[in-house]
């Protein structure tokens, strides 16, 4: 499927789906043992960066749209969870786990 520039409703549907997928990946990644989740840190960071870029575009184009506010809150939560898990993994590595 494709859509034209300016088709905001279609774009919002795709964007929300991408956020859903990334949230699922972050939650799955958090459930892994530190040794396994360490290998995926860079992959998750790249996905979060892409996710952040999409939310910036939404904020620039539809700042007052309820979905923009929802996606911003969800992205903030994903970043917080990612950073907490990353710190946990680094701490576990320092302790030799």
C-alpha atoms as a PDB file:
ATOM      1  CA  UNK A   1       0.000   0.000   0.000  1.00  0.00           C
ATOM      2  CA  UNK A   2       1.054   3.566  -0.572  1.00  0.00           C
ATOM      3  CA  UNK A   3      -0.369   7.002   0.024  1.00  0.00           C
ATOM      4  CA  UNK A   4       0.232  10.535  -1.151  1.00  0.00           C
ATOM      5  CA  UNK A   5       1.790  13.360   0.803  1.00  0.00           C
ATOM      6  CA  UNK A   6      -0.873  15.120   2.814  1.00  0.00           C
ATOM      7  CA  UNK A   7      -2.960  12.001   3.435  1.00  0.00           C
ATOM      8  CA  UNK A   8      -2.664  12.467   7.163  1.00  0.00           C
ATOM      9  CA  UNK A   9      -5.292   9.938   8.220  1.00  0.00           C
ATOM     10  CA  UNK A  10      -3.588   7.138   6.280  1.00  0.00           C
ATOM     11  CA  UNK A  11      -0.198   8.226   7.593  1.00  0.00           C
ATOM     12  CA  UNK A  12      -1.462   8.183  11.163  1.00  0.00           C
ATOM     13  CA  UNK A  13      -2.686   4.599  10.719  1.00  0.00           C
ATOM     14  CA  UNK A  14       0.736   3.465   9.480  1.00  0.00           C
ATOM     15  CA  UNK A  15       2.572   5.428  12.131  1.00  0.00           C
ATOM     16  CA  UNK A  16       0.488   4.034  14.944  1.00  0.00           C
ATOM     17  CA  UNK A  17       1.080   0.505  13.641  1.00  0.00           C
ATOM     18  CA  UNK A  18       4.845   1.103  13.542  1.00  0.00           C
ATOM     19  CA  UNK A  19       4.728   2.333  17.138  1.00  0.00           C
ATOM     20  CA  UNK A  20       2.793  -0.803  18.126  1.00  0.00           C
ATOM     21  CA  UNK A  21       5.428  -3.018  16.512  1.00  0.00           C
ATOM     22  CA  UNK A  22       8.321  -1.213  18.175  1.00  0.00           C
ATOM     23  CA  UNK A  23       6.633  -1.286  21.573  1.00  0.00           C
ATOM     24  CA  UNK A  24       6.199  -5.043  21.199  1.00  0.00           C
ATOM     25  CA  UNK A  25       9.868  -5.391  20.294  1.00  0.00           C
ATOM     26  CA  UNK A  26      11.014  -3.317  23.259  1.00  0.00           C
ATOM     27  CA  UNK A  27       8.839  -5.343  25.651  1.00  0.00           C
ATOM     28  CA  UNK A  28      10.147  -8.605  24.177  1.00  0.00           C
ATOM     29  CA  UNK A  29      13.737  -7.334  24.357  1.00  0.00           C
ATOM     30  CA  UNK A  30      13.232  -6.462  28.034  1.00  0.00           C
ATOM     31  CA  UNK A  31      12.208 -10.050  28.746  1.00  0.00           C
ATOM     32  CA  UNK A  32      15.459 -11.538  27.453  1.00  0.00           C
ATOM     33  CA  UNK A  33      18.368 -12.521  29.632  1.00  0.00           C
ATOM     34  CA  UNK A  34      21.016  -9.764  29.736  1.00  0.00           C
ATOM     35  CA  UNK A  35      23.457 -11.764  27.611  1.00  0.00           C
ATOM     36  CA  UNK A  36      20.898 -12.033  24.816  1.00  0.00           C
ATOM     37  CA  UNK A  37      19.427  -8.562  25.080  1.00  0.00           C
ATOM     38  CA  UNK A  38      22.901  -6.995  24.965  1.00  0.00           C
ATOM     39  CA  UNK A  39      23.284  -8.167  21.368  1.00  0.00           C
ATOM     40  CA  UNK A  40      20.175  -6.251  20.315  1.00  0.00           C
ATOM     41  CA  UNK A  41      20.940  -2.885  21.934  1.00  0.00           C
ATOM     42  CA  UNK A  42      22.149  -1.266  18.723  1.00  0.00           C
ATOM     43  CA  UNK A  43      19.192  -2.629  16.739  1.00  0.00           C
ATOM     44  CA  UNK A  44      16.719  -1.231  19.259  1.00  0.00           C
ATOM     45  CA  UNK A  45      18.562   2.125  19.313  1.00  0.00           C
ATOM     46  CA  UNK A  46      18.240   2.430  15.527  1.00  0.00           C
ATOM     47  CA  UNK A  47      14.532   1.620  15.667  1.00  0.00           C
ATOM     48  CA  UNK A  48      13.997   4.127  18.453  1.00  0.00           C
ATOM     49  CA  UNK A  49      15.804   6.773  16.383  1.00  0.00           C
ATOM     50  CA  UNK A  50      13.536   6.127  13.407  1.00  0.00           C
ATOM     51  CA  UNK A  51      10.566   6.168  15.753  1.00  0.00           C
ATOM     52  CA  UNK A  52      11.713   9.506  17.172  1.00  0.00           C
ATOM     53  CA  UNK A  53      12.050  11.005  13.702  1.00  0.00           C
ATOM     54  CA  UNK A  54       8.482   9.960  12.875  1.00  0.00           C
ATOM     55  CA  UNK A  55       7.138  11.542  16.041  1.00  0.00           C
ATOM     56  CA  UNK A  56       9.011  14.785  15.292  1.00  0.00           C
ATOM     57  CA  UNK A  57       7.388  14.884  11.853  1.00  0.00           C
ATOM     58  CA  UNK A  58       3.979  14.315  13.452  1.00  0.00           C
ATOM     59  CA  UNK A  59       4.634  17.041  16.023  1.00  0.00           C
ATOM     60  CA  UNK A  60       5.661  19.462  13.270  1.00  0.00           C
ATOM     61  CA  UNK A  61       2.675  18.713  11.039  1.00  0.00           C
ATOM     62  CA  UNK A  62      -0.121  17.882  13.480  1.00  0.00           C
ATOM     63  CA  UNK A  63       0.928  19.298  16.869  1.00  0.00           C
ATOM     64  CA  UNK A  64      -2.589  19.427  18.312  1.00  0.00           C
ATOM     65  CA  UNK A  65      -3.758  16.039  17.056  1.00  0.00           C
ATOM     66  CA  UNK A  66      -4.571  13.654  19.933  1.00  0.00           C
ATOM     67  CA  UNK A  67      -2.610  10.859  18.262  1.00  0.00           C
ATOM     68  CA  UNK A  68       0.509  13.064  18.239  1.00  0.00           C
ATOM     69  CA  UNK A  69       0.252  13.535  21.985  1.00  0.00           C
ATOM     70  CA  UNK A  70      -0.368   9.806  22.484  1.00  0.00           C
ATOM     71  CA  UNK A  71       2.605   8.817  20.315  1.00  0.00           C
ATOM     72  CA  UNK A  72       4.867  11.297  22.104  1.00  0.00           C
ATOM     73  CA  UNK A  73       3.910   9.807  25.472  1.00  0.00           C
ATOM     74  CA  UNK A  74       4.403   6.269  24.191  1.00  0.00           C
ATOM     75  CA  UNK A  75       7.789   7.153  22.690  1.00  0.00           C
ATOM     76  CA  UNK A  76       8.915   8.737  25.959  1.00  0.00           C
ATOM     77  CA  UNK A  77       7.938   5.562  27.809  1.00  0.00           C
ATOM     78  CA  UNK A  78       9.825   3.392  25.300  1.00  0.00           C
ATOM     79  CA  UNK A  79      12.959   5.517  25.704  1.00  0.00           C
ATOM     80  CA  UNK A  80      12.722   5.330  29.493  1.00  0.00           C
ATOM     81  CA  UNK A  81      12.271   1.556  29.417  1.00  0.00           C
ATOM     82  CA  UNK A  82      15.091   1.150  26.918  1.00  0.00           C
ATOM     83  CA  UNK A  83      17.510   3.251  28.955  1.00  0.00           C
ATOM     84  CA  UNK A  84      16.612   1.477  32.200  1.00  0.00           C
ATOM     85  CA  UNK A  85      17.124  -1.932  30.600  1.00  0.00           C
ATOM     86  CA  UNK A  86      20.377  -0.839  28.967  1.00  0.00           C
ATOM     87  CA  UNK A  87      21.701   0.303  32.364  1.00  0.00           C
ATOM     88  CA  UNK A  88      20.628  -2.996  33.902  1.00  0.00           C
ATOM     89  CA  UNK A  89      22.463  -4.940  31.187  1.00  0.00           C
ATOM     90  CA  UNK A  90      25.619  -2.875  31.638  1.00  0.00           C
ATOM     91  CA  UNK A  91      25.437  -3.348  35.397  1.00  0.00           C
ATOM     92  CA  UNK A  92      24.977  -7.101  34.980  1.00  0.00           C
ATOM     93  CA  UNK A  93      28.000  -7.236  32.686  1.00  0.00           C
ATOM     94  CA  UNK A  94      30.113  -5.412  35.251  1.00  0.00           C
ATOM     95  CA  UNK A  95      29.084  -7.979  37.873  1.00  0.00           C
ATOM     96  CA  UNK A  96      30.014 -10.798  35.495  1.00  0.00           C
ATOM     97  CA  UNK A  97      26.532 -12.058  34.603  1.00  0.00           C
END
